[in-house]
Protein backbone atom coordinates (compact mmCIF):
# COMPACT_ATOMS: atom_id res chain seq x y z
CA MET A 1 -23.60 -12.63 60.79
CA SER A 2 -19.95 -11.75 60.18
CA ARG A 3 -18.55 -11.55 56.70
CA PRO A 4 -16.57 -14.59 55.50
CA ILE A 5 -12.78 -14.19 55.32
CA THR A 6 -11.71 -14.30 51.66
CA HIS A 7 -7.95 -13.73 52.13
CA ASP A 8 -5.36 -15.13 54.56
CA GLY A 9 -3.51 -11.83 54.54
CA VAL A 10 -2.97 -8.61 52.63
CA VAL A 11 -0.19 -6.16 51.85
CA TYR A 12 -1.20 -2.53 52.09
CA ARG A 13 0.09 1.01 52.42
CA ARG A 14 -0.30 2.71 55.78
CA GLU A 15 -0.79 6.45 55.92
CA GLY A 16 2.35 8.28 56.99
CA SER A 17 4.68 5.30 56.37
CA LYS A 18 6.98 4.72 53.40
CA PHE A 19 7.08 0.95 54.08
CA TRP A 20 4.57 -1.69 53.04
CA TRP A 21 2.55 -3.21 55.88
CA ILE A 22 1.11 -6.71 56.15
CA CYS A 23 -2.07 -7.88 57.84
CA TYR A 24 -2.96 -11.51 58.61
CA ARG A 25 -4.75 -13.61 61.21
CA ASP A 26 -2.99 -15.92 63.69
CA ARG A 27 -4.21 -19.38 64.71
CA THR A 28 -6.66 -17.90 67.23
CA GLY A 29 -8.23 -15.69 64.57
CA ASN A 30 -6.83 -12.43 65.92
CA ARG A 31 -5.71 -9.91 63.36
CA GLN A 32 -1.97 -9.11 63.33
CA ARG A 33 -0.50 -6.01 61.67
CA GLU A 34 3.21 -5.29 61.29
CA SER A 35 5.56 -3.37 59.07
CA SER A 36 7.61 -5.21 56.47
CA PHE A 37 10.38 -2.57 56.77
CA THR A 38 10.74 -2.54 53.00
CA GLU A 39 9.51 -0.39 50.15
CA ASP A 40 9.51 -3.37 47.79
CA TRP A 41 6.06 -4.91 47.31
CA GLN A 42 7.56 -8.31 46.42
CA GLY A 43 9.61 -8.27 49.62
CA ALA A 44 6.49 -7.53 51.65
CA GLN A 45 4.67 -10.42 49.94
CA LYS A 46 7.58 -12.73 50.82
CA LEU A 47 7.36 -11.73 54.48
CA LEU A 48 3.61 -12.31 54.46
CA ARG A 49 4.04 -15.82 53.03
CA ALA A 50 6.68 -16.58 55.66
CA ARG A 51 4.31 -15.42 58.42
CA LEU A 52 1.49 -17.60 57.08
CA GLU A 53 3.79 -20.64 56.85
CA ALA A 54 4.97 -20.07 60.42
CA ARG A 55 1.34 -19.75 61.55
CA ASP A 56 0.36 -22.99 59.84
CA GLY A 57 3.39 -24.68 61.39
CA ASN A 58 2.43 -23.36 64.84
CA VAL A 59 5.77 -21.56 65.27
CA LEU A 60 4.64 -18.00 64.59
CA GLN A 61 5.35 -16.75 68.11
CA VAL A 62 8.79 -18.37 68.12
CA VAL A 63 9.69 -16.84 64.75
CA ARG A 64 8.58 -13.37 65.81
CA LYS A 65 10.50 -13.73 69.08
CA GLY A 66 13.64 -14.64 67.14
CA GLU A 67 13.37 -11.49 65.06
CA SER A 68 13.27 -9.29 68.16
CA LEU A 69 15.88 -11.26 70.13
CA SER A 70 19.35 -9.72 70.34
CA PHE A 71 22.51 -11.77 69.95
CA GLY A 72 23.62 -10.88 73.48
CA GLU A 73 20.33 -12.11 74.96
CA TRP A 74 20.62 -15.39 73.08
CA VAL A 75 24.24 -15.86 74.29
CA ASP A 76 23.16 -15.47 77.92
CA PHE A 77 20.30 -17.93 77.39
CA PHE A 78 22.64 -20.43 75.70
CA LEU A 79 25.24 -20.29 78.48
CA GLU A 80 22.62 -20.77 81.16
CA ASN A 81 20.69 -23.63 79.55
CA TYR A 82 22.99 -25.41 77.09
CA SER A 83 26.51 -24.90 78.44
CA LYS A 84 26.51 -25.43 82.20
CA PRO A 85 26.74 -28.82 83.94
CA PRO A 86 25.16 -31.32 83.78
CA VAL A 87 24.47 -30.57 80.10
CA ARG A 88 28.18 -29.96 79.49
CA GLN A 89 31.35 -30.47 81.51
CA PRO A 90 32.71 -27.54 83.60
CA GLY A 91 35.76 -27.26 81.34
CA THR A 92 33.54 -26.94 78.28
CA HIS A 93 31.46 -24.25 79.97
CA ASN A 94 34.59 -22.29 80.91
CA ALA A 95 35.84 -22.47 77.31
CA ASN A 96 32.45 -21.32 76.01
CA SER A 97 32.40 -18.42 78.47
CA ARG A 98 35.83 -17.23 77.31
CA CYS A 99 34.84 -17.40 73.65
CA VAL A 100 31.52 -15.56 74.00
CA GLN A 101 33.26 -12.58 75.59
CA HIS A 102 34.77 -11.75 72.19
CA LEU A 103 31.61 -12.71 70.30
CA LYS A 104 29.43 -10.41 72.42
CA LYS A 105 31.77 -7.49 71.78
CA ALA A 106 31.29 -7.93 68.05
CA PHE A 107 27.60 -8.93 67.79
CA GLY A 108 26.08 -8.29 71.23
CA THR A 109 23.79 -5.40 70.28
CA ARG A 110 22.67 -6.82 66.92
CA ARG A 111 19.52 -8.78 66.36
CA LEU A 112 20.10 -12.51 66.17
CA ILE A 113 18.74 -12.73 62.63
CA ASP A 114 21.10 -9.94 61.48
CA VAL A 115 24.25 -11.99 62.14
CA GLY A 116 25.00 -13.22 58.62
CA PRO A 117 27.89 -14.99 56.85
CA ASP A 118 29.56 -11.74 55.76
CA GLU A 119 29.59 -10.35 59.31
CA ILE A 120 31.03 -13.62 60.64
CA GLU A 121 33.80 -13.71 58.03
CA LEU A 122 34.77 -10.10 58.79
CA TYR A 123 34.86 -10.94 62.49
CA LEU A 124 37.16 -13.94 61.92
CA ARG A 125 39.57 -11.92 59.77
CA ASP A 126 39.65 -9.11 62.31
CA ARG A 127 40.38 -11.55 65.16
CA LEU A 128 43.23 -13.18 63.21
CA ARG A 129 44.89 -9.76 62.88
CA GLN A 130 44.71 -9.04 66.61
CA ARG A 131 47.48 -9.79 69.11
CA VAL A 132 47.43 -11.59 72.43
CA LYS A 133 46.92 -9.21 75.37
CA VAL A 134 48.01 -10.12 78.90
CA ARG A 135 46.47 -8.10 81.72
CA LEU A 136 48.95 -6.61 84.18
CA SER A 137 48.51 -4.47 87.28
CA LYS A 138 49.38 -1.35 85.28
CA GLY A 139 47.62 -2.16 82.02
CA TYR A 140 48.13 -4.69 79.25
CA ARG A 141 51.11 -6.25 77.53
CA GLU A 142 50.90 -7.32 73.90
CA HIS A 143 52.43 -10.56 72.67
CA GLY A 144 52.37 -12.30 69.29
CA PRO A 145 49.34 -12.71 66.98
CA ILE A 146 46.41 -14.78 68.16
CA LYS A 147 46.67 -18.40 67.04
CA ALA A 148 44.32 -19.55 64.33
CA THR A 149 43.21 -22.45 66.54
CA THR A 150 42.03 -19.96 69.19
CA VAL A 151 39.89 -18.10 66.65
CA HIS A 152 38.59 -21.38 65.27
CA GLN A 153 37.47 -22.34 68.78
CA GLU A 154 35.38 -19.16 68.89
CA PHE A 155 33.96 -20.03 65.47
CA ARG A 156 32.95 -23.51 66.70
CA VAL A 157 31.22 -22.06 69.77
CA LEU A 158 29.32 -19.59 67.56
CA ARG A 159 28.29 -22.41 65.22
CA ARG A 160 27.07 -24.46 68.17
CA MET A 161 24.99 -21.57 69.55
CA LEU A 162 23.38 -20.87 66.19
CA ASN A 163 22.64 -24.57 65.64
CA VAL A 164 20.62 -24.53 68.84
CA ALA A 165 18.83 -21.39 67.62
CA VAL A 166 17.92 -23.19 64.39
CA ARG A 167 16.48 -26.13 66.34
CA LYS A 168 14.45 -23.69 68.43
CA ARG A 169 13.07 -22.17 65.18
CA LEU A 170 14.59 -18.78 66.02
CA LEU A 171 16.60 -18.97 62.77
CA THR A 172 15.77 -20.60 59.48
CA SER A 173 19.39 -21.67 58.86
CA ASN A 174 22.82 -21.40 60.41
CA PRO A 175 24.91 -18.69 58.68
CA CYS A 176 28.13 -20.46 59.78
CA ALA A 177 27.36 -23.16 57.19
CA MET A 178 28.16 -20.59 54.47
CA VAL A 179 31.42 -19.43 56.09
CA GLU A 180 34.83 -20.79 55.18
CA PHE A 181 37.54 -20.32 57.78
CA PRO A 182 40.02 -17.75 56.36
CA VAL A 183 43.27 -19.68 57.04
CA SER A 184 44.32 -23.30 57.00
CA LEU A 185 44.69 -25.13 60.30
CA LYS A 186 47.55 -27.59 60.35
CA GLY A 187 47.12 -30.63 62.53
CA LEU A 188 43.82 -29.58 64.07
CA PHE A 189 42.20 -32.50 65.92
CA ARG A 190 44.79 -34.91 64.54
CA PRO A 191 45.91 -37.16 67.39
CA HIS A 192 49.62 -37.84 67.80
CA TYR A 193 50.57 -41.50 67.74
CA VAL A 194 53.22 -42.27 70.37
CA ALA A 195 55.69 -44.92 69.34
CA TRP A 196 56.85 -47.35 72.04
CA SER A 197 60.42 -46.03 71.90
CA GLU A 198 59.13 -42.45 72.21
CA GLN A 199 56.96 -43.43 75.18
CA GLN A 200 59.94 -45.01 76.95
CA LEU A 201 62.01 -41.87 76.34
CA ILE A 202 59.30 -39.65 77.85
CA GLU A 203 58.83 -41.97 80.83
CA LYS A 204 62.59 -41.87 81.47
CA ASN A 205 62.45 -38.05 81.79
CA ALA A 206 59.16 -37.87 83.74
CA MET A 207 58.42 -37.62 87.45
CA PRO A 208 57.38 -40.93 89.08
CA HIS A 209 53.66 -40.06 89.29
CA LEU A 210 53.62 -38.84 85.68
CA ARG A 211 55.47 -41.96 84.54
CA ASN A 212 52.76 -44.13 86.07
CA ALA A 213 50.01 -41.97 84.54
CA ILE A 214 51.56 -42.27 81.07
CA ARG A 215 51.73 -46.06 81.36
CA ILE A 216 48.16 -46.32 82.69
CA ILE A 217 46.61 -44.13 79.95
CA ALA A 218 48.52 -45.87 77.16
CA GLU A 219 47.43 -49.30 78.46
CA THR A 220 43.79 -48.53 79.40
CA GLY A 221 42.69 -45.44 77.41
CA LEU A 222 41.44 -43.67 80.56
CA ARG A 223 40.45 -40.02 80.29
CA VAL A 224 42.88 -37.86 82.24
CA LYS A 225 40.82 -35.27 84.15
CA LYS A 226 37.51 -37.05 84.47
CA GLU A 227 38.58 -40.64 85.19
CA LEU A 228 42.26 -41.00 86.16
CA LEU A 229 43.14 -38.05 88.40
CA PRO A 230 40.01 -38.26 90.66
CA MET A 231 40.44 -42.06 90.99
CA LYS A 232 40.34 -43.60 94.45
CA LYS A 233 42.38 -46.63 95.48
CA SER A 234 39.19 -48.50 96.32
CA GLN A 235 38.28 -48.54 92.60
CA ILE A 236 41.24 -50.84 91.82
CA ASP A 237 40.85 -54.60 92.13
CA PHE A 238 44.38 -56.03 92.01
CA ILE A 239 43.21 -59.61 92.45
CA ASN A 240 40.96 -59.62 89.37
CA ALA A 241 43.09 -57.02 87.51
CA VAL A 242 40.23 -54.58 86.84
CA VAL A 243 39.46 -50.95 87.68
CA TRP A 244 35.96 -49.53 88.16
CA ILE A 245 35.01 -46.16 86.63
CA PRO A 246 31.89 -44.85 88.47
CA ASP A 247 31.72 -41.44 86.74
CA SER A 248 32.71 -40.52 83.21
CA LYS A 249 32.17 -38.07 80.37
CA THR A 250 29.54 -40.29 78.73
CA PRO A 251 27.17 -42.99 80.06
CA ASN A 252 29.20 -45.60 78.15
CA GLY A 253 32.28 -44.52 80.10
CA VAL A 254 30.87 -45.97 83.34
CA ALA A 255 32.31 -49.46 83.20
CA GLU A 256 34.74 -52.02 84.57
CA ILE A 257 38.05 -51.93 82.71
CA PRO A 258 40.43 -54.92 82.51
CA LEU A 259 44.10 -54.21 83.13
CA SER A 260 47.17 -55.47 81.31
CA LYS A 261 50.30 -56.50 83.19
CA LEU A 262 51.97 -53.16 82.47
CA ALA A 263 48.93 -51.23 83.68
CA LEU A 264 48.70 -53.36 86.81
CA GLU A 265 52.37 -52.68 87.64
CA ALA A 266 51.86 -48.93 87.08
CA PHE A 267 48.86 -48.93 89.44
CA ARG A 268 50.87 -50.77 92.10
CA ASP A 269 53.76 -48.30 91.78
CA GLN A 270 51.40 -45.33 92.08
CA VAL A 271 49.67 -46.78 95.16
CA ALA A 272 53.10 -47.22 96.77
CA ILE A 273 54.05 -43.54 96.30
CA SER A 274 50.60 -42.00 96.90
CA GLY A 275 50.68 -42.24 100.71
CA LYS A 276 47.87 -43.25 103.06
CA GLY A 277 45.09 -41.13 101.55
CA GLU A 278 42.15 -42.44 99.54
CA PHE A 279 43.14 -40.85 96.22
CA LEU A 280 45.55 -42.40 93.74
CA PHE A 281 46.97 -38.99 92.77
CA PRO A 282 46.67 -36.95 96.00
CA SER A 283 47.31 -33.22 96.29
CA ASP A 284 47.31 -30.93 99.33
CA ARG A 285 46.92 -27.82 97.15
CA ASN A 286 43.52 -28.79 95.81
CA LYS A 287 40.44 -28.70 98.04
CA ASN A 288 39.15 -31.88 96.36
CA GLY A 289 42.19 -33.75 97.60
CA HIS A 290 43.56 -34.89 94.24
CA LEU A 291 45.54 -33.48 91.34
CA ARG A 292 43.55 -31.48 88.84
CA SER A 293 46.06 -31.43 85.98
CA LEU A 294 49.34 -32.95 84.81
CA ARG A 295 49.97 -30.28 82.20
CA THR A 296 53.03 -28.63 83.77
CA ALA A 297 54.77 -31.92 84.60
CA TRP A 298 53.94 -33.23 81.12
CA ARG A 299 55.33 -30.18 79.36
CA LYS A 300 58.57 -30.31 81.35
CA ALA A 301 58.99 -34.04 80.69
CA LEU A 302 58.63 -33.51 76.93
CA LYS A 303 61.16 -30.68 77.05
CA ARG A 304 63.70 -32.80 78.94
CA ALA A 305 63.17 -35.66 76.51
CA GLY A 306 63.56 -33.38 73.48
CA VAL A 307 60.15 -34.38 72.10
CA PRO A 308 57.92 -31.77 70.37
CA TYR A 309 54.83 -30.95 72.41
CA PHE A 310 51.65 -32.96 72.01
CA ARG A 311 48.72 -33.49 74.34
CA LEU A 312 48.78 -36.06 77.12
CA TYR A 313 45.26 -36.94 75.98
CA ASP A 314 46.76 -38.27 72.72
CA LEU A 315 47.87 -41.35 74.65
CA ARG A 316 44.20 -42.37 74.51
CA SER A 317 44.30 -42.38 70.70
CA THR A 318 47.62 -44.27 70.92
CA TYR A 319 45.81 -46.93 72.95
CA ALA A 320 43.15 -47.28 70.24
CA THR A 321 45.73 -47.35 67.44
CA ARG A 322 47.75 -50.09 69.14
CA LEU A 323 44.61 -52.18 69.55
CA SER A 324 43.78 -51.79 65.85
CA ALA A 325 47.34 -52.60 64.84
CA GLY A 326 47.17 -55.73 66.97
CA GLY A 327 44.24 -57.04 64.94
CA VAL A 328 41.41 -56.17 67.36
CA ALA A 329 38.11 -55.67 65.54
CA ASP A 330 36.83 -52.11 65.31
CA GLU A 331 33.68 -52.99 67.25
CA TRP A 332 35.76 -54.22 70.18
CA VAL A 333 38.04 -51.17 70.06
CA ILE A 334 34.98 -48.91 70.30
CA GLN A 335 33.78 -50.85 73.35
CA MET A 336 37.21 -50.70 74.99
CA LEU A 337 37.31 -46.94 74.36
CA ARG A 338 33.84 -46.82 75.93
CA GLN A 339 32.48 -44.66 73.11
CA GLY A 340 28.83 -44.59 72.12
CA ASP A 341 29.38 -43.24 68.60
CA SER A 342 31.34 -45.33 66.12
CA GLN A 343 32.26 -42.17 64.18
CA VAL A 344 34.42 -41.02 67.09
CA PHE A 345 36.60 -44.09 66.56
CA LYS A 346 37.99 -42.55 63.37
CA LYS A 347 39.47 -39.71 65.43
CA TYR A 348 41.20 -41.98 67.92
CA SER A 349 42.55 -44.80 65.74
CA GLN A 350 45.20 -43.48 63.35
CA MET A 351 46.86 -45.90 60.90
CA LYS A 352 50.48 -44.77 60.65
CA LEU A 353 52.54 -44.90 57.48
CA GLN A 354 54.60 -47.85 58.69
CA MET A 355 51.43 -49.82 59.44
CA LYS A 356 50.13 -49.12 55.94
CA ARG A 357 53.41 -50.34 54.45
CA GLU A 358 53.18 -53.52 56.48
CA ALA A 359 49.67 -54.01 55.09
CA LEU A 360 50.97 -53.54 51.52
CA ASP A 361 53.53 -56.31 52.14
CA LYS A 362 50.62 -58.74 52.53
CA ILE A 363 49.35 -58.20 48.97
CA ASN A 364 49.11 -61.48 47.08
CA ARG A 365 49.82 -60.59 43.47
CA GLN A 366 49.13 -64.13 42.29
CA ALA A 367 45.69 -64.45 43.85
CA ASN A 368 43.99 -65.39 40.57
CA GLU A 369 46.68 -67.93 39.67
CA MET A 370 46.44 -69.94 42.88
CA PRO A 371 45.28 -73.55 42.56
CA GLY A 372 41.70 -73.97 43.69
CA VAL A 373 40.65 -70.59 42.31
CA LEU A 374 38.74 -70.45 39.04
CA THR A 375 38.70 -67.36 36.88
CA GLN A 376 35.52 -66.92 34.85
CA HIS A 377 35.48 -64.42 32.02
CA GLY A 378 32.18 -62.64 31.68
CA SER A 379 30.56 -61.00 28.69
CA GLY A 380 30.25 -57.32 27.95
CA ASP A 381 31.79 -54.78 30.29
CA ARG A 382 31.69 -56.95 33.40
CA GLY A 383 35.34 -57.92 33.06
CA PHE A 384 35.89 -61.12 35.05
CA ASP A 385 34.69 -62.68 38.27
CA THR A 386 36.68 -64.86 40.64
CA VAL A 387 34.93 -67.72 42.44
CA LEU A 388 36.18 -70.64 44.44
CA THR A 389 36.03 -74.00 42.74
CA GLN A 390 33.58 -76.48 44.19
């Protein structure tokens, strides 16, 4: 008969080693021995308790794997399983791939658990001091300093990768949560609201196909690359004034969208200039048969109009803001944006200063003195309550 086990684990000295060692049994009853890599007895006891908690939580193998996993190995795993389509869009995967090139240079050979807040902050400061390098046939050419928004994009990708590692129990917490970005970012993720007069000025200086795209996005809120540019003429129903979106960024994006008169006219104009092909925005230079981007035409139109640069995608937030300003309920605006998360609505709908001033003009400063309203004074610290008379 075997002796009963009186201890879950022990800390002991091993001959020929200056570190404390721990010994414990896993869920199958097999004895596990490993070094604590510390000369502090309390530190070894802490590691032993962590091992026993992981064993009881049935994540011991995952935790031990995370301690031996290198940052570079985790990056490759993340790109393969959490970044490529259909999990993420191709553009998102390309952006992630660009960012991890710099991250792997800094942390690639380190263990995943050794990437802490201090190392991340030093990396961010070092990247902000670097300059843009353009590869040429005979070497590199240096330009100005790297933009803070570029470094912040790398920081967001790192935070996303480590969040996945936390969910997989490879890390106990995300070190990015304890990192403050070194510099302030002005205007980051703040959509630009396009006034009607500004939109007309840009349309006046835009190419015909871009002019129609501007009007369509501002009147429907369509996404540029995923929904508008790959659109086929067969998706447009001119009789019922609707357009069908069969593929979108989110499941909620697949829907039938009603068209305003301005949007309907823009679609008719674009069909007239698009030729006999099936695509609304055709292109012979792209193997898919349609335009892939309007960035160059958009940038030139803004320059000719004398308007500071902002994203064409901001017309989508302009669409949401105009709906809100017109008195459309937030729930309906979210449905017309085809968003599944109501929190995203805050990013798209931006109340401008003039709209807030118009709201202030509606203040009724004699609300409690109106006939039919009774003011009741309460006792104590309640102040007063206002109720309608019966």
